Amino acid sequence: FFFQASNPGQFENDSDVLWQRGHVPETIVYHGRVGINTDAPDEALVVCGNAKVMGRVMHPSDSRAKQNIREVDTNEQLRRITQMRLVEYDYKPEFSSIMGIKNT
């Protein structure tokens, strides 16, 4: 992202007031949803297109963020899986066309 500011921490016009300098150096904060190649983001960040990551992507499911990882009773877990609801679906045409997904 590139923003041109007349004064550090201030943006050119009042419509940019949601963008703020972060508490951590070299960060910027936006209080709302951000869309890249879309003007209708429905999550905190929506990227319509490819994204290149030149570092690690951390996710709460990442083992690097966990401790006390231990084995579980396989038979109990298989019993739980058999109780799961499995579904098939088709994407709505308006969603798949915007996202570039074939309706499969």
N, C-alpha and C. Protein backbone atom coordinates (compact mmCIF):
# COMPACT_ATOMS: atom_id res chain seq x y z
N PHE A 1 0.83 -1.17 0.00
CA PHE A 1 0.00 0.00 0.00
C PHE A 1 0.87 1.23 0.00
N PHE A 2 0.44 2.30 -0.67
CA PHE A 2 1.17 3.55 -0.67
C PHE A 2 0.19 4.66 -0.39
N PHE A 3 0.51 5.49 0.57
CA PHE A 3 -0.32 6.62 0.92
C PHE A 3 0.55 7.85 0.96
N GLN A 4 0.07 8.93 0.35
CA GLN A 4 0.83 10.16 0.38
C GLN A 4 0.20 11.07 1.43
N ALA A 5 0.96 11.49 2.40
CA ALA A 5 0.45 12.33 3.48
C ALA A 5 1.15 13.67 3.44
N SER A 6 0.39 14.74 3.68
CA SER A 6 0.98 16.07 3.74
C SER A 6 1.72 16.25 5.06
N ASN A 7 1.21 15.66 6.12
CA ASN A 7 1.87 15.66 7.42
C ASN A 7 1.92 14.23 7.90
N PRO A 8 3.00 13.81 8.55
CA PRO A 8 3.06 12.42 9.03
C PRO A 8 1.86 12.09 9.91
N GLY A 9 1.20 10.99 9.59
CA GLY A 9 0.03 10.57 10.36
C GLY A 9 -1.27 11.17 9.89
N GLN A 10 -1.22 12.10 8.93
CA GLN A 10 -2.45 12.70 8.42
C GLN A 10 -2.55 12.44 6.93
N PHE A 11 -3.76 12.22 6.45
CA PHE A 11 -3.96 11.91 5.03
C PHE A 11 -4.55 13.11 4.32
N GLU A 12 -4.52 13.05 3.00
CA GLU A 12 -4.89 14.19 2.17
C GLU A 12 -6.31 14.69 2.37
N ASN A 13 -7.26 13.78 2.59
CA ASN A 13 -8.63 14.26 2.74
C ASN A 13 -9.34 13.53 3.88
N ASP A 14 -10.48 14.04 4.27
CA ASP A 14 -11.20 13.50 5.41
C ASP A 14 -11.76 12.11 5.17
N SER A 15 -11.87 11.68 3.89
CA SER A 15 -12.41 10.34 3.63
C SER A 15 -11.43 9.25 4.04
N ASP A 16 -10.17 9.61 4.29
CA ASP A 16 -9.16 8.63 4.67
C ASP A 16 -8.97 8.53 6.18
N VAL A 17 -9.89 9.07 6.98
CA VAL A 17 -9.68 9.09 8.43
C VAL A 17 -9.68 7.71 9.05
N LEU A 18 -10.21 6.69 8.36
CA LEU A 18 -10.19 5.34 8.91
C LEU A 18 -8.79 4.74 8.88
N TRP A 19 -7.91 5.26 8.03
CA TRP A 19 -6.53 4.79 7.97
C TRP A 19 -5.74 5.56 9.02
N GLN A 20 -5.02 4.83 9.88
CA GLN A 20 -4.25 5.47 10.93
C GLN A 20 -2.88 4.84 11.02
N ARG A 21 -1.92 5.61 11.51
CA ARG A 21 -0.60 5.08 11.77
C ARG A 21 -0.70 4.10 12.93
N GLY A 22 -0.09 2.93 12.81
CA GLY A 22 -0.15 1.91 13.84
C GLY A 22 0.73 2.23 15.03
N HIS A 23 0.51 1.52 16.12
CA HIS A 23 1.33 1.70 17.32
C HIS A 23 2.73 1.12 17.12
N VAL A 24 2.84 0.11 16.28
CA VAL A 24 4.13 -0.50 15.97
C VAL A 24 4.74 0.28 14.81
N PRO A 25 6.04 0.58 14.86
CA PRO A 25 6.66 1.33 13.75
C PRO A 25 6.41 0.68 12.40
N GLU A 26 6.26 1.52 11.37
CA GLU A 26 6.07 1.10 9.99
C GLU A 26 4.80 0.28 9.78
N THR A 27 3.75 0.59 10.54
CA THR A 27 2.47 -0.09 10.34
C THR A 27 1.38 0.93 10.10
N ILE A 28 0.32 0.48 9.44
CA ILE A 28 -0.84 1.31 9.20
C ILE A 28 -2.07 0.48 9.55
N VAL A 29 -3.08 1.10 10.09
CA VAL A 29 -4.27 0.40 10.58
C VAL A 29 -5.49 0.96 9.86
N TYR A 30 -6.37 0.07 9.45
CA TYR A 30 -7.65 0.46 8.86
C TYR A 30 -8.75 -0.21 9.67
N HIS A 31 -9.69 0.56 10.16
CA HIS A 31 -10.79 0.02 10.94
C HIS A 31 -11.98 -0.20 10.02
N GLY A 32 -12.04 -1.37 9.42
CA GLY A 32 -13.09 -1.71 8.48
C GLY A 32 -12.62 -2.85 7.60
N ARG A 33 -13.26 -3.00 6.45
CA ARG A 33 -12.91 -4.08 5.52
C ARG A 33 -12.08 -3.52 4.39
N VAL A 34 -11.14 -4.33 3.91
CA VAL A 34 -10.26 -3.94 2.82
C VAL A 34 -10.47 -4.90 1.66
N GLY A 35 -10.65 -4.37 0.47
CA GLY A 35 -10.81 -5.18 -0.72
C GLY A 35 -9.73 -4.87 -1.73
N ILE A 36 -9.10 -5.90 -2.27
CA ILE A 36 -8.13 -5.74 -3.35
C ILE A 36 -8.75 -6.39 -4.58
N ASN A 37 -8.94 -5.62 -5.62
CA ASN A 37 -9.64 -6.03 -6.85
C ASN A 37 -11.11 -6.33 -6.60
N THR A 38 -11.68 -5.75 -5.57
CA THR A 38 -13.11 -5.84 -5.31
C THR A 38 -13.54 -4.60 -4.54
N ASP A 39 -14.73 -4.13 -4.83
CA ASP A 39 -15.25 -2.99 -4.06
C ASP A 39 -16.32 -3.43 -3.07
N ALA A 40 -16.44 -4.75 -2.86
CA ALA A 40 -17.43 -5.28 -1.93
C ALA A 40 -16.82 -6.37 -1.04
N PRO A 41 -15.79 -6.03 -0.23
CA PRO A 41 -15.22 -7.06 0.64
C PRO A 41 -16.21 -7.46 1.72
N ASP A 42 -16.35 -8.76 1.96
CA ASP A 42 -17.27 -9.24 2.98
C ASP A 42 -16.53 -9.82 4.18
N GLU A 43 -15.22 -9.65 4.22
CA GLU A 43 -14.37 -10.06 5.35
C GLU A 43 -13.40 -8.93 5.62
N ALA A 44 -12.58 -9.07 6.66
CA ALA A 44 -11.61 -8.02 7.01
C ALA A 44 -10.67 -7.73 5.83
N LEU A 45 -10.25 -8.78 5.11
CA LEU A 45 -9.41 -8.61 3.92
C LEU A 45 -9.86 -9.60 2.87
N VAL A 46 -10.17 -9.09 1.68
CA VAL A 46 -10.57 -9.93 0.56
C VAL A 46 -9.65 -9.60 -0.61
N VAL A 47 -8.96 -10.61 -1.13
CA VAL A 47 -8.09 -10.44 -2.28
C VAL A 47 -8.69 -11.25 -3.42
N CYS A 48 -9.10 -10.57 -4.47
CA CYS A 48 -9.62 -11.25 -5.65
C CYS A 48 -8.48 -11.29 -6.67
N GLY A 49 -7.81 -12.41 -6.71
CA GLY A 49 -6.65 -12.56 -7.57
C GLY A 49 -5.57 -13.30 -6.82
N ASN A 50 -4.42 -13.39 -7.41
CA ASN A 50 -3.30 -14.08 -6.78
C ASN A 50 -2.65 -13.19 -5.73
N ALA A 51 -2.10 -13.82 -4.71
CA ALA A 51 -1.35 -13.10 -3.69
C ALA A 51 0.01 -13.76 -3.56
N LYS A 52 1.05 -12.96 -3.51
CA LYS A 52 2.40 -13.49 -3.33
C LYS A 52 2.84 -13.17 -1.92
N VAL A 53 3.31 -14.19 -1.22
CA VAL A 53 3.79 -14.03 0.15
C VAL A 53 5.28 -14.31 0.15
N MET A 54 6.07 -13.35 0.59
CA MET A 54 7.52 -13.51 0.61
C MET A 54 8.01 -13.82 2.02
N GLY A 55 7.15 -14.38 2.83
CA GLY A 55 7.50 -14.75 4.19
C GLY A 55 6.55 -15.83 4.66
N ARG A 56 6.48 -16.03 5.94
CA ARG A 56 5.60 -17.06 6.48
C ARG A 56 4.19 -16.53 6.70
N VAL A 57 3.21 -17.40 6.59
CA VAL A 57 1.84 -17.09 6.92
C VAL A 57 1.50 -17.88 8.18
N MET A 58 1.19 -17.18 9.23
CA MET A 58 0.85 -17.84 10.50
C MET A 58 -0.66 -17.95 10.58
N HIS A 59 -1.13 -19.06 11.05
CA HIS A 59 -2.55 -19.31 11.21
C HIS A 59 -2.73 -19.96 12.57
N PRO A 60 -3.86 -19.69 13.27
CA PRO A 60 -4.04 -20.31 14.58
C PRO A 60 -3.91 -21.83 14.57
N SER A 61 -4.08 -22.46 13.42
CA SER A 61 -3.96 -23.89 13.33
C SER A 61 -2.51 -24.33 13.15
N ASP A 62 -1.59 -23.40 12.97
CA ASP A 62 -0.19 -23.69 12.74
C ASP A 62 0.43 -24.30 14.00
N SER A 63 1.17 -25.40 13.85
CA SER A 63 1.78 -26.07 15.01
C SER A 63 2.78 -25.17 15.74
N ARG A 64 3.33 -24.18 15.03
CA ARG A 64 4.28 -23.26 15.67
C ARG A 64 3.59 -22.38 16.71
N ALA A 65 2.26 -22.29 16.68
CA ALA A 65 1.51 -21.46 17.62
C ALA A 65 0.91 -22.27 18.75
N LYS A 66 1.26 -23.56 18.85
CA LYS A 66 0.64 -24.45 19.82
C LYS A 66 1.66 -25.05 20.78
N GLN A 67 1.16 -25.52 21.90
CA GLN A 67 1.97 -26.27 22.84
C GLN A 67 1.12 -27.40 23.40
N ASN A 68 1.74 -28.31 24.11
CA ASN A 68 1.05 -29.47 24.70
C ASN A 68 0.30 -30.29 23.65
N ILE A 69 0.91 -30.48 22.49
CA ILE A 69 0.31 -31.30 21.43
C ILE A 69 0.46 -32.77 21.84
N ARG A 70 -0.64 -33.52 21.81
CA ARG A 70 -0.60 -34.91 22.24
C ARG A 70 -1.54 -35.76 21.39
N GLU A 71 -1.27 -37.04 21.37
CA GLU A 71 -2.09 -37.99 20.63
C GLU A 71 -3.46 -38.13 21.30
N VAL A 72 -4.47 -38.48 20.49
CA VAL A 72 -5.82 -38.70 21.02
C VAL A 72 -6.26 -40.13 20.69
N ASP A 73 -7.36 -40.54 21.28
CA ASP A 73 -7.92 -41.87 21.05
C ASP A 73 -8.50 -41.91 19.64
N THR A 74 -7.85 -42.65 18.74
CA THR A 74 -8.27 -42.71 17.34
C THR A 74 -9.70 -43.22 17.18
N ASN A 75 -10.08 -44.25 17.92
CA ASN A 75 -11.44 -44.79 17.80
C ASN A 75 -12.49 -43.75 18.18
N GLU A 76 -12.23 -42.99 19.22
CA GLU A 76 -13.17 -41.95 19.63
C GLU A 76 -13.29 -40.87 18.56
N GLN A 77 -12.16 -40.50 17.96
CA GLN A 77 -12.19 -39.46 16.93
C GLN A 77 -12.90 -39.96 15.67
N LEU A 78 -12.73 -41.23 15.30
CA LEU A 78 -13.44 -41.79 14.15
C LEU A 78 -14.94 -41.82 14.42
N ARG A 79 -15.34 -42.12 15.65
CA ARG A 79 -16.76 -42.10 16.01
C ARG A 79 -17.33 -40.70 15.83
N ARG A 80 -16.58 -39.70 16.22
CA ARG A 80 -17.02 -38.31 16.07
C ARG A 80 -17.15 -37.93 14.59
N ILE A 81 -16.19 -38.40 13.78
CA ILE A 81 -16.23 -38.09 12.35
C ILE A 81 -17.48 -38.69 11.70
N THR A 82 -17.87 -39.89 12.09
CA THR A 82 -19.06 -40.50 11.49
C THR A 82 -20.33 -39.74 11.84
N GLN A 83 -20.29 -38.87 12.84
CA GLN A 83 -21.45 -38.07 13.21
C GLN A 83 -21.47 -36.72 12.50
N MET A 84 -20.44 -36.44 11.71
CA MET A 84 -20.38 -35.15 11.01
C MET A 84 -21.38 -35.12 9.87
N ARG A 85 -21.90 -33.94 9.59
CA ARG A 85 -22.81 -33.73 8.46
C ARG A 85 -21.95 -33.39 7.24
N LEU A 86 -22.01 -34.21 6.19
CA LEU A 86 -21.27 -33.98 4.96
C LEU A 86 -22.22 -33.45 3.91
N VAL A 87 -21.78 -32.45 3.14
CA VAL A 87 -22.64 -31.83 2.13
C VAL A 87 -21.89 -31.66 0.82
N GLU A 88 -22.65 -31.52 -0.25
CA GLU A 88 -22.15 -31.10 -1.56
C GLU A 88 -22.82 -29.78 -1.87
N TYR A 89 -22.19 -28.96 -2.69
CA TYR A 89 -22.81 -27.68 -3.04
C TYR A 89 -22.25 -27.17 -4.36
N ASP A 90 -22.97 -26.21 -4.92
CA ASP A 90 -22.53 -25.44 -6.09
C ASP A 90 -22.42 -24.00 -5.64
N TYR A 91 -21.40 -23.29 -6.14
CA TYR A 91 -21.31 -21.87 -5.85
C TYR A 91 -22.43 -21.12 -6.57
N LYS A 92 -22.92 -20.07 -5.96
CA LYS A 92 -23.89 -19.20 -6.63
C LYS A 92 -23.19 -18.55 -7.81
N PRO A 93 -23.89 -18.45 -8.95
CA PRO A 93 -23.25 -17.91 -10.16
C PRO A 93 -22.65 -16.52 -9.96
N GLU A 94 -23.33 -15.64 -9.22
CA GLU A 94 -22.81 -14.29 -9.02
C GLU A 94 -21.51 -14.30 -8.20
N PHE A 95 -21.37 -15.25 -7.29
CA PHE A 95 -20.14 -15.36 -6.50
C PHE A 95 -19.02 -15.97 -7.34
N SER A 96 -19.32 -17.05 -8.02
CA SER A 96 -18.27 -17.73 -8.79
C SER A 96 -17.74 -16.86 -9.92
N SER A 97 -18.60 -16.04 -10.54
CA SER A 97 -18.12 -15.19 -11.63
C SER A 97 -17.22 -14.08 -11.10
N ILE A 98 -17.55 -13.52 -9.95
CA ILE A 98 -16.71 -12.47 -9.35
C ILE A 98 -15.38 -13.05 -8.91
N MET A 99 -15.39 -14.25 -8.34
CA MET A 99 -14.19 -14.87 -7.78
C MET A 99 -13.38 -15.63 -8.84
N GLY A 100 -13.92 -15.78 -10.05
CA GLY A 100 -13.21 -16.51 -11.08
C GLY A 100 -13.18 -18.01 -10.83
N ILE A 101 -14.22 -18.52 -10.18
CA ILE A 101 -14.31 -19.94 -9.85
C ILE A 101 -15.28 -20.60 -10.82
N LYS A 102 -14.88 -21.74 -11.36
CA LYS A 102 -15.82 -22.49 -12.18
C LYS A 102 -16.86 -23.12 -11.27
N ASN A 103 -18.08 -23.10 -11.68
CA ASN A 103 -19.19 -23.58 -10.85
C ASN A 103 -19.18 -25.10 -10.77
N THR A 104 -18.29 -25.63 -9.95
CA THR A 104 -18.21 -27.08 -9.77
C THR A 104 -18.52 -27.46 -8.35
